[in-house]
Amino acid sequence: GRRQAFKNQNVKVASNVWHTLHVDAHGDHFMVTYDGN
């Protein structure tokens, strides 16, 4: 029940606009893309 961040990145996230979020999870490695980046 305890949430702990282990990576953070500042990006522009606009309200009332559609965005795309993607995560590639393989073993202990996770890669996240947001709006194609």
All heavy atoms as atom14 arrays in JSON, in Angstrom:
{
  "sequence": "GRRQAFKNQNVKVASNVWHTLHVDAHGDHFMVTYDGN",
  "atom14_mask": [
    [1, 1, 1, 1, 0, 0, 0, 0, 0, 0, 0, 0, 0, 0],
    [1, 1, 1, 1, 1, 1, 1, 1, 1, 1, 1, 0, 0, 0],
    [1, 1, 1, 1, 1, 1, 1, 1, 1, 1, 1, 0, 0, 0],
    [1, 1, 1, 1, 1, 1, 1, 1, 1, 0, 0, 0, 0, 0],
    [1, 1, 1, 1, 1, 0, 0, 0, 0, 0, 0, 0, 0, 0],
    [1, 1, 1, 1, 1, 1, 1, 1, 1, 1, 1, 0, 0, 0],
    [1, 1, 1, 1, 1, 1, 1, 1, 1, 0, 0, 0, 0, 0],
    [1, 1, 1, 1, 1, 1, 1, 1, 0, 0, 0, 0, 0, 0],
    [1, 1, 1, 1, 1, 1, 1, 1, 1, 0, 0, 0, 0, 0],
    [1, 1, 1, 1, 1, 1, 1, 1, 0, 0, 0, 0, 0, 0],
    [1, 1, 1, 1, 1, 1, 1, 0, 0, 0, 0, 0, 0, 0],
    [1, 1, 1, 1, 1, 1, 1, 1, 1, 0, 0, 0, 0, 0],
    [1, 1, 1, 1, 1, 1, 1, 0, 0, 0, 0, 0, 0, 0],
    [1, 1, 1, 1, 1, 0, 0, 0, 0, 0, 0, 0, 0, 0],
    [1, 1, 1, 1, 1, 1, 0, 0, 0, 0, 0, 0, 0, 0],
    [1, 1, 1, 1, 1, 1, 1, 1, 0, 0, 0, 0, 0, 0],
    [1, 1, 1, 1, 1, 1, 1, 0, 0, 0, 0, 0, 0, 0],
    [1, 1, 1, 1, 1, 1, 1, 1, 1, 1, 1, 1, 1, 1],
    [1, 1, 1, 1, 1, 1, 1, 1, 1, 1, 0, 0, 0, 0],
    [1, 1, 1, 1, 1, 1, 1, 0, 0, 0, 0, 0, 0, 0],
    [1, 1, 1, 1, 1, 1, 1, 1, 0, 0, 0, 0, 0, 0],
    [1, 1, 1, 1, 1, 1, 1, 1, 1, 1, 0, 0, 0, 0],
    [1, 1, 1, 1, 1, 1, 1, 0, 0, 0, 0, 0, 0, 0],
    [1, 1, 1, 1, 1, 1, 1, 1, 0, 0, 0, 0, 0, 0],
    [1, 1, 1, 1, 1, 0, 0, 0, 0, 0, 0, 0, 0, 0],
    [1, 1, 1, 1, 1, 1, 1, 1, 1, 1, 0, 0, 0, 0],
    [1, 1, 1, 1, 0, 0, 0, 0, 0, 0, 0, 0, 0, 0],
    [1, 1, 1, 1, 1, 1, 1, 1, 0, 0, 0, 0, 0, 0],
    [1, 1, 1, 1, 1, 1, 1, 1, 1, 1, 0, 0, 0, 0],
    [1, 1, 1, 1, 1, 1, 1, 1, 1, 1, 1, 0, 0, 0],
    [1, 1, 1, 1, 1, 1, 1, 1, 0, 0, 0, 0, 0, 0],
    [1, 1, 1, 1, 1, 1, 1, 0, 0, 0, 0, 0, 0, 0],
    [1, 1, 1, 1, 1, 1, 1, 0, 0, 0, 0, 0, 0, 0],
    [1, 1, 1, 1, 1, 1, 1, 1, 1, 1, 1, 1, 0, 0],
    [1, 1, 1, 1, 1, 1, 1, 1, 0, 0, 0, 0, 0, 0],
    [1, 1, 1, 1, 0, 0, 0, 0, 0, 0, 0, 0, 0, 0],
    [1, 1, 1, 1, 1, 1, 1, 1, 0, 0, 0, 0, 0, 0]
  ],
  "atom14_positions": [
    [[0.78, -1.23, 0.0], [0.0, 0.0, 0.0], [0.81, 1.28, 0.0], [0.23, 2.37, -0.07], [0.0, 0.0, 0.0], [0.0, 0.0, 0.0], [0.0, 0.0, 0.0], [0.0, 0.0, 0.0], [0.0, 0.0, 0.0], [0.0, 0.0, 0.0], [0.0, 0.0, 0.0], [0.0, 0.0, 0.0], [0.0, 0.0, 0.0], [0.0, 0.0, 0.0]],
    [[2.13, 1.18, 0.06], [2.99, 2.36, 0.08], [3.57, 2.61, -1.31], [4.28, 1.76, -1.85], [4.12, 2.18, 1.1], [5.03, 3.39, 1.22], [6.01, 3.21, 2.37], [6.9, 4.36, 2.5], [8.1, 4.45, 1.91], [8.55, 3.44, 1.16], [8.85, 5.53, 2.06], [0.0, 0.0, 0.0], [0.0, 0.0, 0.0], [0.0, 0.0, 0.0]],
    [[3.27, 3.76, -1.87], [3.73, 4.1, -3.22], [5.08, 4.79, -3.14], [5.26, 5.77, -2.42], [2.7, 5.04, -3.88], [2.98, 5.34, -5.34], [1.97, 6.33, -5.89], [2.03, 7.61, -5.21], [1.8, 8.78, -5.79], [1.49, 8.84, -7.06], [1.87, 9.9, -5.09], [0.0, 0.0, 0.0], [0.0, 0.0, 0.0], [0.0, 0.0, 0.0]],
    [[6.05, 4.26, -3.91], [7.41, 4.81, -3.9], [7.89, 5.03, -5.34], [7.97, 4.1, -6.13], [8.37, 3.85, -3.19], [9.81, 4.33, -3.12], [9.97, 5.57, -2.25], [9.49, 5.61, -1.13], [10.63, 6.59, -2.78], [0.0, 0.0, 0.0], [0.0, 0.0, 0.0], [0.0, 0.0, 0.0], [0.0, 0.0, 0.0], [0.0, 0.0, 0.0]],
    [[8.2, 6.28, -5.67], [8.72, 6.6, -7.01], [10.17, 6.17, -7.14], [10.95, 6.29, -6.19], [8.59, 8.09, -7.27], [0.0, 0.0, 0.0], [0.0, 0.0, 0.0], [0.0, 0.0, 0.0], [0.0, 0.0, 0.0], [0.0, 0.0, 0.0], [0.0, 0.0, 0.0], [0.0, 0.0, 0.0], [0.0, 0.0, 0.0], [0.0, 0.0, 0.0]],
    [[10.54, 5.67, -8.34], [11.96, 5.4, -8.58], [12.47, 5.99, -9.88], [13.64, 5.82, -10.22], [12.29, 3.9, -8.46], [11.51, 2.96, -9.35], [11.96, 2.62, -10.61], [10.33, 2.4, -8.89], [11.26, 1.74, -11.4], [9.62, 1.5, -9.67], [10.08, 1.17, -10.93], [0.0, 0.0, 0.0], [0.0, 0.0, 0.0], [0.0, 0.0, 0.0]],
    [[11.65, 6.76, -10.61], [12.12, 7.53, -11.75], [11.06, 8.57, -12.1], [9.86, 8.28, -12.06], [12.39, 6.63, -12.96], [13.36, 7.2, -13.99], [14.77, 7.32, -13.43], [15.77, 7.83, -14.45], [16.15, 6.82, -15.45], [0.0, 0.0, 0.0], [0.0, 0.0, 0.0], [0.0, 0.0, 0.0], [0.0, 0.0, 0.0], [0.0, 0.0, 0.0]],
    [[11.52, 9.78, -12.45], [10.6, 10.88, -12.74], [11.18, 11.74, -13.85], [12.4, 11.91, -13.94], [10.37, 11.71, -11.47], [9.5, 12.93, -11.71], [10.0, 13.99, -12.06], [8.22, 12.78, -11.52], [0.0, 0.0, 0.0], [0.0, 0.0, 0.0], [0.0, 0.0, 0.0], [0.0, 0.0, 0.0], [0.0, 0.0, 0.0], [0.0, 0.0, 0.0]],
    [[10.29, 12.3, -14.69], [10.74, 13.18, -15.76], [9.69, 14.26, -15.99], [8.49, 13.98, -16.1], [10.94, 12.4, -17.07], [11.33, 13.24, -18.26], [12.72, 13.85, -18.11], [13.65, 13.16, -17.74], [12.84, 15.14, -18.4], [0.0, 0.0, 0.0], [0.0, 0.0, 0.0], [0.0, 0.0, 0.0], [0.0, 0.0, 0.0], [0.0, 0.0, 0.0]],
    [[10.12, 15.51, -16.04], [9.21, 16.61, -16.34], [8.87, 16.62, -17.82], [9.76, 16.59, -18.67], [9.83, 17.95, -15.95], [9.97, 18.12, -14.45], [9.19, 17.55, -13.68], [10.95, 18.89, -14.01], [0.0, 0.0, 0.0], [0.0, 0.0, 0.0], [0.0, 0.0, 0.0], [0.0, 0.0, 0.0], [0.0, 0.0, 0.0], [0.0, 0.0, 0.0]],
    [[7.56, 16.66, -18.13], [7.07, 16.74, -19.5], [5.78, 17.56, -19.47], [5.1, 17.64, -18.45], [6.79, 15.37, -20.14], [8.05, 14.56, -20.34], [5.78, 14.58, -19.31], [0.0, 0.0, 0.0], [0.0, 0.0, 0.0], [0.0, 0.0, 0.0], [0.0, 0.0, 0.0], [0.0, 0.0, 0.0], [0.0, 0.0, 0.0], [0.0, 0.0, 0.0]],
    [[5.43, 18.15, -20.6], [4.18, 18.9, -20.69], [3.03, 17.93, -20.92], [3.02, 17.17, -21.9], [4.25, 19.92, -21.84], [2.94, 20.69, -22.05], [2.54, 21.5, -20.83], [1.25, 22.26, -21.06], [0.8, 22.96, -19.83], [0.0, 0.0, 0.0], [0.0, 0.0, 0.0], [0.0, 0.0, 0.0], [0.0, 0.0, 0.0], [0.0, 0.0, 0.0]],
    [[2.04, 17.96, -20.01], [0.85, 17.13, -20.12], [-0.36, 18.06, -20.11], [-0.73, 18.59, -19.06], [0.76, 16.1, -18.98], [-0.44, 15.19, -19.19], [2.04, 15.29, -18.87], [0.0, 0.0, 0.0], [0.0, 0.0, 0.0], [0.0, 0.0, 0.0], [0.0, 0.0, 0.0], [0.0, 0.0, 0.0], [0.0, 0.0, 0.0], [0.0, 0.0, 0.0]],
    [[-0.97, 18.28, -21.24], [-2.08, 19.22, -21.35], [-3.39, 18.58, -20.91], [-3.64, 17.4, -21.16], [-2.21, 19.72, -22.79], [0.0, 0.0, 0.0], [0.0, 0.0, 0.0], [0.0, 0.0, 0.0], [0.0, 0.0, 0.0], [0.0, 0.0, 0.0], [0.0, 0.0, 0.0], [0.0, 0.0, 0.0], [0.0, 0.0, 0.0], [0.0, 0.0, 0.0]],
    [[-4.23, 19.37, -20.25], [-5.57, 18.92, -19.88], [-6.49, 18.95, -21.1], [-6.29, 19.72, -22.04], [-6.14, 19.82, -18.79], [-5.37, 19.76, -17.62], [0.0, 0.0, 0.0], [0.0, 0.0, 0.0], [0.0, 0.0, 0.0], [0.0, 0.0, 0.0], [0.0, 0.0, 0.0], [0.0, 0.0, 0.0], [0.0, 0.0, 0.0], [0.0, 0.0, 0.0]],
    [[-7.51, 18.09, -21.05], [-8.55, 18.03, -22.1], [-7.97, 17.81, -23.5], [-8.51, 18.29, -24.5], [-9.43, 19.28, -22.06], [-10.36, 19.26, -20.86], [-11.2, 18.37, -20.74], [-10.19, 20.21, -19.96], [0.0, 0.0, 0.0], [0.0, 0.0, 0.0], [0.0, 0.0, 0.0], [0.0, 0.0, 0.0], [0.0, 0.0, 0.0], [0.0, 0.0, 0.0]],
    [[-6.87, 17.08, -23.53], [-6.23, 16.68, -24.79], [-5.9, 15.19, -24.66], [-5.5, 14.72, -23.6], [-4.93, 17.48, -25.04], [-4.19, 16.95, -26.26], [-5.24, 18.96, -25.2], [0.0, 0.0, 0.0], [0.0, 0.0, 0.0], [0.0, 0.0, 0.0], [0.0, 0.0, 0.0], [0.0, 0.0, 0.0], [0.0, 0.0, 0.0], [0.0, 0.0, 0.0]],
    [[-6.08, 14.45, -25.75], [-5.73, 13.03, -25.74], [-4.22, 12.85, -25.85], [-3.56, 13.5, -26.67], [-6.43, 12.29, -26.87], [-7.87, 12.01, -26.57], [-8.95, 12.73, -26.97], [-8.37, 10.95, -25.76], [-10.1, 12.18, -26.47], [-9.79, 11.08, -25.73], [-7.79, 9.89, -25.07], [-10.61, 10.19, -25.03], [-8.6, 9.01, -24.37], [-9.99, 9.16, -24.36]],
    [[-3.68, 11.96, -25.02], [-2.26, 11.6, -25.01], [-2.13, 10.08, -25.1], [-3.1, 9.34, -24.89], [-1.58, 12.09, -23.73], [-1.72, 13.55, -23.47], [-0.94, 14.5, -24.1], [-2.56, 14.24, -22.65], [-1.27, 15.7, -23.67], [-2.26, 15.57, -22.8], [0.0, 0.0, 0.0], [0.0, 0.0, 0.0], [0.0, 0.0, 0.0], [0.0, 0.0, 0.0]],
    [[-0.9, 9.62, -25.37], [-0.63, 8.19, -25.43], [0.49, 7.85, -24.45], [1.56, 8.47, -24.46], [-0.21, 7.75, -26.84], [-1.25, 8.08, -27.76], [0.05, 6.26, -26.88], [0.0, 0.0, 0.0], [0.0, 0.0, 0.0], [0.0, 0.0, 0.0], [0.0, 0.0, 0.0], [0.0, 0.0, 0.0], [0.0, 0.0, 0.0], [0.0, 0.0, 0.0]],
    [[0.22, 6.86, -23.6], [1.19, 6.38, -22.61], [1.49, 4.92, -22.89], [0.57, 4.13, -23.11], [0.63, 6.56, -21.2], [1.52, 6.13, -20.03], [2.8, 6.96, -19.97], [0.75, 6.25, -18.71], [0.0, 0.0, 0.0], [0.0, 0.0, 0.0], [0.0, 0.0, 0.0], [0.0, 0.0, 0.0], [0.0, 0.0, 0.0], [0.0, 0.0, 0.0]],
    [[2.77, 4.58, -22.89], [3.2, 3.21, -23.2], [4.28, 2.77, -22.23], [5.16, 3.56, -21.88], [3.75, 3.15, -24.64], [4.43, 1.86, -24.97], [3.75, 0.74, -25.37], [5.74, 1.51, -24.95], [4.6, -0.23, -25.59], [5.83, 0.2, -25.33], [0.0, 0.0, 0.0], [0.0, 0.0, 0.0], [0.0, 0.0, 0.0], [0.0, 0.0, 0.0]],
    [[4.21, 1.52, -21.78], [5.29, 0.94, -20.99], [5.69, -0.4, -21.59], [4.84, -1.21, -21.98], [4.91, 0.78, -19.5], [3.74, -0.15, -19.3], [6.12, 0.31, -18.69], [0.0, 0.0, 0.0], [0.0, 0.0, 0.0], [0.0, 0.0, 0.0], [0.0, 0.0, 0.0], [0.0, 0.0, 0.0], [0.0, 0.0, 0.0], [0.0, 0.0, 0.0]],
    [[6.99, -0.6, -21.7], [7.59, -1.86, -22.13], [8.25, -2.46, -20.9], [9.26, -1.94, -20.41], [8.61, -1.57, -23.23], [9.38, -2.8, -23.68], [9.23, -3.87, -23.05], [10.14, -2.7, -24.65], [0.0, 0.0, 0.0], [0.0, 0.0, 0.0], [0.0, 0.0, 0.0], [0.0, 0.0, 0.0], [0.0, 0.0, 0.0], [0.0, 0.0, 0.0]],
    [[7.66, -3.54, -20.37], [8.15, -4.18, -19.14], [8.76, -5.53, -19.49], [8.06, -6.42, -19.98], [7.01, -4.34, -18.15], [0.0, 0.0, 0.0], [0.0, 0.0, 0.0], [0.0, 0.0, 0.0], [0.0, 0.0, 0.0], [0.0, 0.0, 0.0], [0.0, 0.0, 0.0], [0.0, 0.0, 0.0], [0.0, 0.0, 0.0], [0.0, 0.0, 0.0]],
    [[10.05, -5.67, -19.22], [10.76, -6.92, -19.51], [11.73, -7.2, -18.37], [12.69, -6.45, -18.18], [11.5, -6.83, -20.84], [12.07, -8.16, -21.28], [13.35, -8.54, -20.97], [11.52, -9.18, -21.98], [13.58, -9.74, -21.48], [12.48, -10.16, -22.09], [0.0, 0.0, 0.0], [0.0, 0.0, 0.0], [0.0, 0.0, 0.0], [0.0, 0.0, 0.0]],
    [[11.46, -8.25, -17.62], [12.29, -8.54, -16.46], [12.22, -7.4, -15.47], [11.13, -6.95, -15.08], [0.0, 0.0, 0.0], [0.0, 0.0, 0.0], [0.0, 0.0, 0.0], [0.0, 0.0, 0.0], [0.0, 0.0, 0.0], [0.0, 0.0, 0.0], [0.0, 0.0, 0.0], [0.0, 0.0, 0.0], [0.0, 0.0, 0.0], [0.0, 0.0, 0.0]],
    [[13.4, -6.89, -15.07], [13.42, -5.76, -14.14], [13.63, -4.43, -14.85], [13.9, -3.41, -14.21], [14.52, -5.96, -13.08], [15.92, -5.94, -13.67], [16.07, -5.88, -14.91], [16.88, -5.98, -12.87], [0.0, 0.0, 0.0], [0.0, 0.0, 0.0], [0.0, 0.0, 0.0], [0.0, 0.0, 0.0], [0.0, 0.0, 0.0], [0.0, 0.0, 0.0]],
    [[13.48, -4.42, -16.19], [13.72, -3.22, -16.99], [12.4, -2.68, -17.53], [11.62, -3.41, -18.14], [14.67, -3.55, -18.14], [15.01, -2.36, -18.99], [15.21, -2.45, -20.34], [15.17, -1.05, -18.67], [15.49, -1.26, -20.83], [15.47, -0.38, -19.83], [0.0, 0.0, 0.0], [0.0, 0.0, 0.0], [0.0, 0.0, 0.0], [0.0, 0.0, 0.0]],
    [[12.17, -1.38, -17.33], [10.92, -0.75, -17.74], [11.23, 0.52, -18.53], [11.97, 1.39, -18.06], [10.07, -0.4, -16.53], [9.94, -1.52, -15.54], [10.36, -1.36, -14.23], [9.43, -2.74, -15.92], [10.27, -2.38, -13.32], [9.33, -3.79, -15.02], [9.75, -3.62, -13.72], [0.0, 0.0, 0.0], [0.0, 0.0, 0.0], [0.0, 0.0, 0.0]],
    [[10.66, 0.62, -19.73], [10.83, 1.81, -20.55], [9.47, 2.41, -20.84], [8.56, 1.72, -21.3], [11.54, 1.48, -21.86], [11.92, 2.72, -22.67], [13.0, 2.33, -24.06], [11.87, 1.4, -25.1], [0.0, 0.0, 0.0], [0.0, 0.0, 0.0], [0.0, 0.0, 0.0], [0.0, 0.0, 0.0], [0.0, 0.0, 0.0], [0.0, 0.0, 0.0]],
    [[9.33, 3.7, -20.55], [8.07, 4.4, -20.68], [8.18, 5.45, -21.77], [9.13, 6.24, -21.79], [7.66, 5.08, -19.36], [6.35, 5.86, -19.53], [7.51, 4.03, -18.25], [0.0, 0.0, 0.0], [0.0, 0.0, 0.0], [0.0, 0.0, 0.0], [0.0, 0.0, 0.0], [0.0, 0.0, 0.0], [0.0, 0.0, 0.0], [0.0, 0.0, 0.0]],
    [[7.2, 5.46, -22.69], [7.13, 6.51, -23.69], [5.81, 7.26, -23.51], [4.78, 6.69, -23.14], [7.22, 5.96, -25.13], [6.15, 5.03, -25.34], [8.54, 5.27, -25.36], [0.0, 0.0, 0.0], [0.0, 0.0, 0.0], [0.0, 0.0, 0.0], [0.0, 0.0, 0.0], [0.0, 0.0, 0.0], [0.0, 0.0, 0.0], [0.0, 0.0, 0.0]],
    [[5.87, 8.56, -23.77], [4.71, 9.44, -23.65], [4.6, 10.26, -24.93], [5.56, 10.94, -25.32], [4.87, 10.35, -22.42], [3.98, 11.57, -22.42], [2.62, 11.46, -22.17], [4.5, 12.83, -22.69], [1.81, 12.57, -22.19], [3.7, 13.96, -22.7], [2.35, 13.82, -22.46], [1.54, 14.92, -22.48], [0.0, 0.0, 0.0], [0.0, 0.0, 0.0]],
    [[3.46, 10.15, -25.59], [3.23, 10.82, -26.87], [4.38, 10.57, -27.85], [4.84, 11.46, -28.56], [3.01, 12.32, -26.66], [1.62, 12.63, -26.13], [0.78, 11.7, -26.1], [1.36, 13.78, -25.75], [0.0, 0.0, 0.0], [0.0, 0.0, 0.0], [0.0, 0.0, 0.0], [0.0, 0.0, 0.0], [0.0, 0.0, 0.0], [0.0, 0.0, 0.0]],
    [[4.87, 9.32, -27.86], [5.88, 8.89, -28.82], [7.31, 9.17, -28.43], [8.23, 8.79, -29.16], [0.0, 0.0, 0.0], [0.0, 0.0, 0.0], [0.0, 0.0, 0.0], [0.0, 0.0, 0.0], [0.0, 0.0, 0.0], [0.0, 0.0, 0.0], [0.0, 0.0, 0.0], [0.0, 0.0, 0.0], [0.0, 0.0, 0.0], [0.0, 0.0, 0.0]],
    [[7.54, 9.79, -27.27], [8.9, 10.12, -26.83], [9.26, 9.33, -25.58], [8.46, 9.27, -24.63], [9.02, 11.62, -26.53], [8.74, 12.47, -27.74], [9.33, 12.27, -28.8], [7.82, 13.42, -27.6], [0.0, 0.0, 0.0], [0.0, 0.0, 0.0], [0.0, 0.0, 0.0], [0.0, 0.0, 0.0], [0.0, 0.0, 0.0], [0.0, 0.0, 0.0]]
  ]
}
